[in-house]
């Protein structure tokens, strides 16, 4: 497949995830747990996971989004938490997707849970207190809920994306 086309597609995925990241910053979210967010940018990660054949492209999209978003709106701590959450989330979603036993919505929900787990692992190391893991049940419920919403939106989006002629080209990059 044309290398230029691949770069354009990956750039579009990164740009869309950055737009959703910025938009999410304007949405007040009255969650129970401090720091809980909707994770709108993860919509693009889930869509890329199912639309792109090469998982390393999904990793590239995710990490470029994290680097760019933390460069503009965060610091080293934000980068550390974002990368840890992303690694746990993407790894869990990739493994569950490969089994073929989970729906896209289930995969996305697991991604939300493991994203929070990864961030709590890092937080417990940073503050040197394992008790921070007591937030895990609350954040797991929040992560599963937002993951389900992201999953439902991804199903809807992919259903329409698959009707476009460009979708077949996506499968070849």
C-alpha atoms as a PDB file:
ATOM      1  CA  UNK A   1       0.000   0.000   0.000  1.00  0.00           C
ATOM      2  CA  UNK A   2       1.092   3.535  -0.676  1.00  0.00           C
ATOM      3  CA  UNK A   3       3.273   4.833   2.167  1.00  0.00           C
ATOM      4  CA  UNK A   4       1.895   8.350   1.740  1.00  0.00           C
ATOM      5  CA  UNK A   5      -1.681   7.107   2.146  1.00  0.00           C
ATOM      6  CA  UNK A   6      -0.700   5.263   5.337  1.00  0.00           C
ATOM      7  CA  UNK A   7       0.928   8.386   6.805  1.00  0.00           C
ATOM      8  CA  UNK A   8      -2.147  10.474   5.936  1.00  0.00           C
ATOM      9  CA  UNK A   9      -4.512   7.956   7.554  1.00  0.00           C
ATOM     10  CA  UNK A  10      -2.408   7.689  10.701  1.00  0.00           C
ATOM     11  CA  UNK A  11      -2.178  11.485  10.884  1.00  0.00           C
ATOM     12  CA  UNK A  12      -5.954  11.754  10.576  1.00  0.00           C
ATOM     13  CA  UNK A  13      -6.450   9.269  13.406  1.00  0.00           C
ATOM     14  CA  UNK A  14      -3.998  11.196  15.616  1.00  0.00           C
ATOM     15  CA  UNK A  15      -5.650  14.528  14.758  1.00  0.00           C
ATOM     16  CA  UNK A  16      -9.131  13.184  15.512  1.00  0.00           C
ATOM     17  CA  UNK A  17      -8.016  11.791  18.851  1.00  0.00           C
ATOM     18  CA  UNK A  18      -6.425  15.141  19.749  1.00  0.00           C
ATOM     19  CA  UNK A  19      -9.635  16.986  18.865  1.00  0.00           C
ATOM     20  CA  UNK A  20     -11.643  14.650  21.099  1.00  0.00           C
ATOM     21  CA  UNK A  21      -9.077  15.097  23.875  1.00  0.00           C
ATOM     22  CA  UNK A  22      -9.480  18.885  23.691  1.00  0.00           C
ATOM     23  CA  UNK A  23     -13.290  18.697  23.479  1.00  0.00           C
ATOM     24  CA  UNK A  24     -13.361  16.459  26.546  1.00  0.00           C
ATOM     25  CA  UNK A  25     -11.579  19.155  28.514  1.00  0.00           C
ATOM     26  CA  UNK A  26     -14.634  21.379  28.093  1.00  0.00           C
ATOM     27  CA  UNK A  27     -17.135  18.789  29.326  1.00  0.00           C
ATOM     28  CA  UNK A  28     -17.814  18.891  33.068  1.00  0.00           C
ATOM     29  CA  UNK A  29     -18.005  15.319  34.330  1.00  0.00           C
ATOM     30  CA  UNK A  30     -19.530  14.902  37.788  1.00  0.00           C
ATOM     31  CA  UNK A  31     -17.948  11.521  38.559  1.00  0.00           C
ATOM     32  CA  UNK A  32     -17.605  10.091  42.032  1.00  0.00           C
ATOM     33  CA  UNK A  33     -13.880   9.443  41.719  1.00  0.00           C
ATOM     34  CA  UNK A  34     -11.506  12.385  41.420  1.00  0.00           C
ATOM     35  CA  UNK A  35      -9.823  12.580  38.043  1.00  0.00           C
ATOM     36  CA  UNK A  36     -12.287  10.261  36.299  1.00  0.00           C
ATOM     37  CA  UNK A  37     -12.903  11.275  32.699  1.00  0.00           C
ATOM     38  CA  UNK A  38     -14.957  10.070  29.768  1.00  0.00           C
ATOM     39  CA  UNK A  39     -11.926   9.105  27.687  1.00  0.00           C
ATOM     40  CA  UNK A  40     -13.346  10.385  24.404  1.00  0.00           C
ATOM     41  CA  UNK A  41      -9.956  10.181  22.678  1.00  0.00           C
ATOM     42  CA  UNK A  42     -10.051   6.434  23.289  1.00  0.00           C
ATOM     43  CA  UNK A  43     -12.880   6.254  20.772  1.00  0.00           C
ATOM     44  CA  UNK A  44     -10.263   6.696  18.060  1.00  0.00           C
ATOM     45  CA  UNK A  45      -8.036   4.042  19.645  1.00  0.00           C
ATOM     46  CA  UNK A  46     -10.867   1.498  19.649  1.00  0.00           C
ATOM     47  CA  UNK A  47     -11.871   2.334  16.075  1.00  0.00           C
ATOM     48  CA  UNK A  48      -8.239   2.047  14.954  1.00  0.00           C
ATOM     49  CA  UNK A  49      -7.900  -1.283  16.765  1.00  0.00           C
ATOM     50  CA  UNK A  50     -10.745  -2.696  14.674  1.00  0.00           C
ATOM     51  CA  UNK A  51     -10.221  -0.783  11.414  1.00  0.00           C
ATOM     52  CA  UNK A  52      -6.461  -1.050  10.956  1.00  0.00           C
ATOM     53  CA  UNK A  53      -4.777  -4.386  10.306  1.00  0.00           C
ATOM     54  CA  UNK A  54      -1.424  -3.504  11.905  1.00  0.00           C
ATOM     55  CA  UNK A  55      -1.544  -3.196  15.687  1.00  0.00           C
ATOM     56  CA  UNK A  56       1.725  -1.260  15.692  1.00  0.00           C
ATOM     57  CA  UNK A  57      -0.134   1.493  13.824  1.00  0.00           C
ATOM     58  CA  UNK A  58      -2.664   1.610  16.660  1.00  0.00           C
ATOM     59  CA  UNK A  59       0.232   1.909  19.143  1.00  0.00           C
ATOM     60  CA  UNK A  60       1.743   4.706  17.079  1.00  0.00           C
ATOM     61  CA  UNK A  61      -1.557   6.615  16.961  1.00  0.00           C
ATOM     62  CA  UNK A  62      -2.050   6.219  20.695  1.00  0.00           C
ATOM     63  CA  UNK A  63       1.442   7.278  21.700  1.00  0.00           C
ATOM     64  CA  UNK A  64       1.558  10.219  19.316  1.00  0.00           C
ATOM     65  CA  UNK A  65      -1.715  11.443  20.812  1.00  0.00           C
ATOM     66  CA  UNK A  66      -0.340  11.069  24.323  1.00  0.00           C
ATOM     67  CA  UNK A  67       2.918  12.836  23.500  1.00  0.00           C
ATOM     68  CA  UNK A  68       1.201  15.710  21.723  1.00  0.00           C
ATOM     69  CA  UNK A  69      -1.553  16.166  24.300  1.00  0.00           C
ATOM     70  CA  UNK A  70       0.835  16.140  27.245  1.00  0.00           C
ATOM     71  CA  UNK A  71       3.215  18.477  25.427  1.00  0.00           C
ATOM     72  CA  UNK A  72       0.434  21.054  25.195  1.00  0.00           C
ATOM     73  CA  UNK A  73      -1.649  20.392  28.290  1.00  0.00           C
ATOM     74  CA  UNK A  74       0.363  18.429  30.798  1.00  0.00           C
ATOM     75  CA  UNK A  75       3.690  17.707  32.317  1.00  0.00           C
ATOM     76  CA  UNK A  76       5.862  14.732  33.078  1.00  0.00           C
ATOM     77  CA  UNK A  77       3.336  13.372  35.592  1.00  0.00           C
ATOM     78  CA  UNK A  78       0.533  13.526  33.037  1.00  0.00           C
ATOM     79  CA  UNK A  79       2.772  11.715  30.550  1.00  0.00           C
ATOM     80  CA  UNK A  80       3.624   9.019  33.090  1.00  0.00           C
ATOM     81  CA  UNK A  81      -0.001   8.362  34.012  1.00  0.00           C
ATOM     82  CA  UNK A  82      -1.210   8.535  30.407  1.00  0.00           C
ATOM     83  CA  UNK A  83       1.410   6.099  29.132  1.00  0.00           C
ATOM     84  CA  UNK A  84       0.801   3.604  31.939  1.00  0.00           C
ATOM     85  CA  UNK A  85      -2.954   3.693  31.444  1.00  0.00           C
ATOM     86  CA  UNK A  86      -2.567   3.427  27.678  1.00  0.00           C
ATOM     87  CA  UNK A  87      -0.203   0.448  27.887  1.00  0.00           C
ATOM     88  CA  UNK A  88      -2.490  -1.536  30.178  1.00  0.00           C
ATOM     89  CA  UNK A  89      -5.566  -0.558  28.190  1.00  0.00           C
ATOM     90  CA  UNK A  90      -4.176  -1.299  24.734  1.00  0.00           C
ATOM     91  CA  UNK A  91      -2.593  -4.565  25.831  1.00  0.00           C
ATOM     92  CA  UNK A  92      -5.828  -5.792  27.394  1.00  0.00           C
ATOM     93  CA  UNK A  93      -7.945  -4.730  24.423  1.00  0.00           C
ATOM     94  CA  UNK A  94      -5.561  -6.315  21.913  1.00  0.00           C
ATOM     95  CA  UNK A  95      -5.453  -9.611  23.812  1.00  0.00           C
ATOM     96  CA  UNK A  96      -9.227  -9.764  24.275  1.00  0.00           C
ATOM     97  CA  UNK A  97      -9.853  -8.856  20.635  1.00  0.00           C
ATOM     98  CA  UNK A  98      -7.530 -11.635  19.472  1.00  0.00           C
ATOM     99  CA  UNK A  99      -9.439 -14.276  21.432  1.00  0.00           C
ATOM    100  CA  UNK A 100     -12.547 -13.557  19.368  1.00  0.00           C
ATOM    101  CA  UNK A 101     -14.680 -14.234  22.445  1.00  0.00           C
ATOM    102  CA  UNK A 102     -15.523 -10.653  23.319  1.00  0.00           C
ATOM    103  CA  UNK A 103     -17.657  -8.089  21.561  1.00  0.00           C
ATOM    104  CA  UNK A 104     -16.195  -4.725  20.659  1.00  0.00           C
ATOM    105  CA  UNK A 105     -18.172  -3.242  23.543  1.00  0.00           C
ATOM    106  CA  UNK A 106     -16.704  -5.786  25.973  1.00  0.00           C
ATOM    107  CA  UNK A 107     -13.198  -5.129  24.680  1.00  0.00           C
ATOM    108  CA  UNK A 108     -13.706  -1.388  25.111  1.00  0.00           C
ATOM    109  CA  UNK A 109     -15.083  -1.825  28.643  1.00  0.00           C
ATOM    110  CA  UNK A 110     -12.033  -3.888  29.582  1.00  0.00           C
ATOM    111  CA  UNK A 111      -9.845  -1.161  28.117  1.00  0.00           C
ATOM    112  CA  UNK A 112     -11.493   1.394  30.393  1.00  0.00           C
ATOM    113  CA  UNK A 113     -10.964  -0.789  33.446  1.00  0.00           C
ATOM    114  CA  UNK A 114      -7.330  -1.582  32.658  1.00  0.00           C
ATOM    115  CA  UNK A 115      -6.576   2.043  31.833  1.00  0.00           C
ATOM    116  CA  UNK A 116      -7.558   2.978  35.374  1.00  0.00           C
ATOM    117  CA  UNK A 117      -5.689  -0.013  36.795  1.00  0.00           C
ATOM    118  CA  UNK A 118      -2.492   1.048  35.019  1.00  0.00           C
ATOM    119  CA  UNK A 119      -2.781   4.575  36.317  1.00  0.00           C
ATOM    120  CA  UNK A 120      -3.395   3.376  39.875  1.00  0.00           C
ATOM    121  CA  UNK A 121      -0.345   1.103  39.716  1.00  0.00           C
ATOM    122  CA  UNK A 122       1.813   4.092  38.802  1.00  0.00           C
ATOM    123  CA  UNK A 123       0.108   6.308  41.386  1.00  0.00           C
ATOM    124  CA  UNK A 124       0.766   3.743  44.117  1.00  0.00           C
ATOM    125  CA  UNK A 125       4.448   3.675  43.137  1.00  0.00           C
ATOM    126  CA  UNK A 126       4.700   7.471  42.976  1.00  0.00           C
ATOM    127  CA  UNK A 127       3.159   8.026  46.410  1.00  0.00           C
ATOM    128  CA  UNK A 128       4.705   4.796  47.741  1.00  0.00           C
ATOM    129  CA  UNK A 129       1.413   3.614  49.169  1.00  0.00           C
ATOM    130  CA  UNK A 130      -0.454   0.562  47.917  1.00  0.00           C
ATOM    131  CA  UNK A 131      -3.626   1.805  49.640  1.00  0.00           C
ATOM    132  CA  UNK A 132      -4.296   4.008  46.626  1.00  0.00           C
ATOM    133  CA  UNK A 133      -5.467   0.792  44.965  1.00  0.00           C
ATOM    134  CA  UNK A 134      -8.578   1.086  47.165  1.00  0.00           C
ATOM    135  CA  UNK A 135      -9.875   3.431  44.448  1.00  0.00           C
ATOM    136  CA  UNK A 136      -9.827   0.501  42.004  1.00  0.00           C
ATOM    137  CA  UNK A 137     -13.437  -0.661  42.550  1.00  0.00           C
ATOM    138  CA  UNK A 138     -14.846   2.840  42.033  1.00  0.00           C
ATOM    139  CA  UNK A 139     -12.589   3.562  39.067  1.00  0.00           C
ATOM    140  CA  UNK A 140     -13.331   0.123  37.582  1.00  0.00           C
ATOM    141  CA  UNK A 141     -17.042   0.886  37.557  1.00  0.00           C
ATOM    142  CA  UNK A 142     -16.366   4.299  36.007  1.00  0.00           C
ATOM    143  CA  UNK A 143     -13.927   2.770  33.494  1.00  0.00           C
ATOM    144  CA  UNK A 144     -16.345   0.010  32.533  1.00  0.00           C
ATOM    145  CA  UNK A 145     -19.165   2.526  32.111  1.00  0.00           C
ATOM    146  CA  UNK A 146     -17.198   4.907  29.935  1.00  0.00           C
ATOM    147  CA  UNK A 147     -15.696   1.937  28.086  1.00  0.00           C
ATOM    148  CA  UNK A 148     -19.186   0.682  27.273  1.00  0.00           C
ATOM    149  CA  UNK A 149     -20.204   4.114  25.975  1.00  0.00           C
ATOM    150  CA  UNK A 150     -17.023   4.324  23.878  1.00  0.00           C
ATOM    151  CA  UNK A 151     -17.670   0.780  22.637  1.00  0.00           C
ATOM    152  CA  UNK A 152     -21.252   1.536  21.588  1.00  0.00           C
ATOM    153  CA  UNK A 153     -20.100   4.663  19.773  1.00  0.00           C
ATOM    154  CA  UNK A 154     -17.309   2.667  18.105  1.00  0.00           C
ATOM    155  CA  UNK A 155     -19.744   0.007  16.868  1.00  0.00           C
ATOM    156  CA  UNK A 156     -21.963   2.700  15.367  1.00  0.00           C
ATOM    157  CA  UNK A 157     -19.006   4.527  13.796  1.00  0.00           C
ATOM    158  CA  UNK A 158     -17.403   1.375  12.370  1.00  0.00           C
ATOM    159  CA  UNK A 159     -20.725   0.248  10.921  1.00  0.00           C
ATOM    160  CA  UNK A 160     -20.853   3.470   8.902  1.00  0.00           C
ATOM    161  CA  UNK A 161     -17.131   3.538   8.171  1.00  0.00           C
ATOM    162  CA  UNK A 162     -17.317   0.064   6.638  1.00  0.00           C
ATOM    163  CA  UNK A 163     -19.783   1.365   4.038  1.00  0.00           C
ATOM    164  CA  UNK A 164     -17.240   3.859   2.708  1.00  0.00           C
ATOM    165  CA  UNK A 165     -15.025   2.898  -0.248  1.00  0.00           C
ATOM    166  CA  UNK A 166     -11.940   4.026   1.667  1.00  0.00           C
ATOM    167  CA  UNK A 167     -12.501   1.346   4.323  1.00  0.00           C
ATOM    168  CA  UNK A 168     -11.160  -1.385   2.035  1.00  0.00           C
ATOM    169  CA  UNK A 169      -7.999   0.664   1.560  1.00  0.00           C
ATOM    170  CA  UNK A 170      -7.663   0.963   5.340  1.00  0.00           C
ATOM    171  CA  UNK A 171      -7.507  -2.817   5.543  1.00  0.00           C
ATOM    172  CA  UNK A 172      -4.490  -2.796   3.228  1.00  0.00           C
ATOM    173  CA  UNK A 173      -2.257  -0.221   4.918  1.00  0.00           C
END
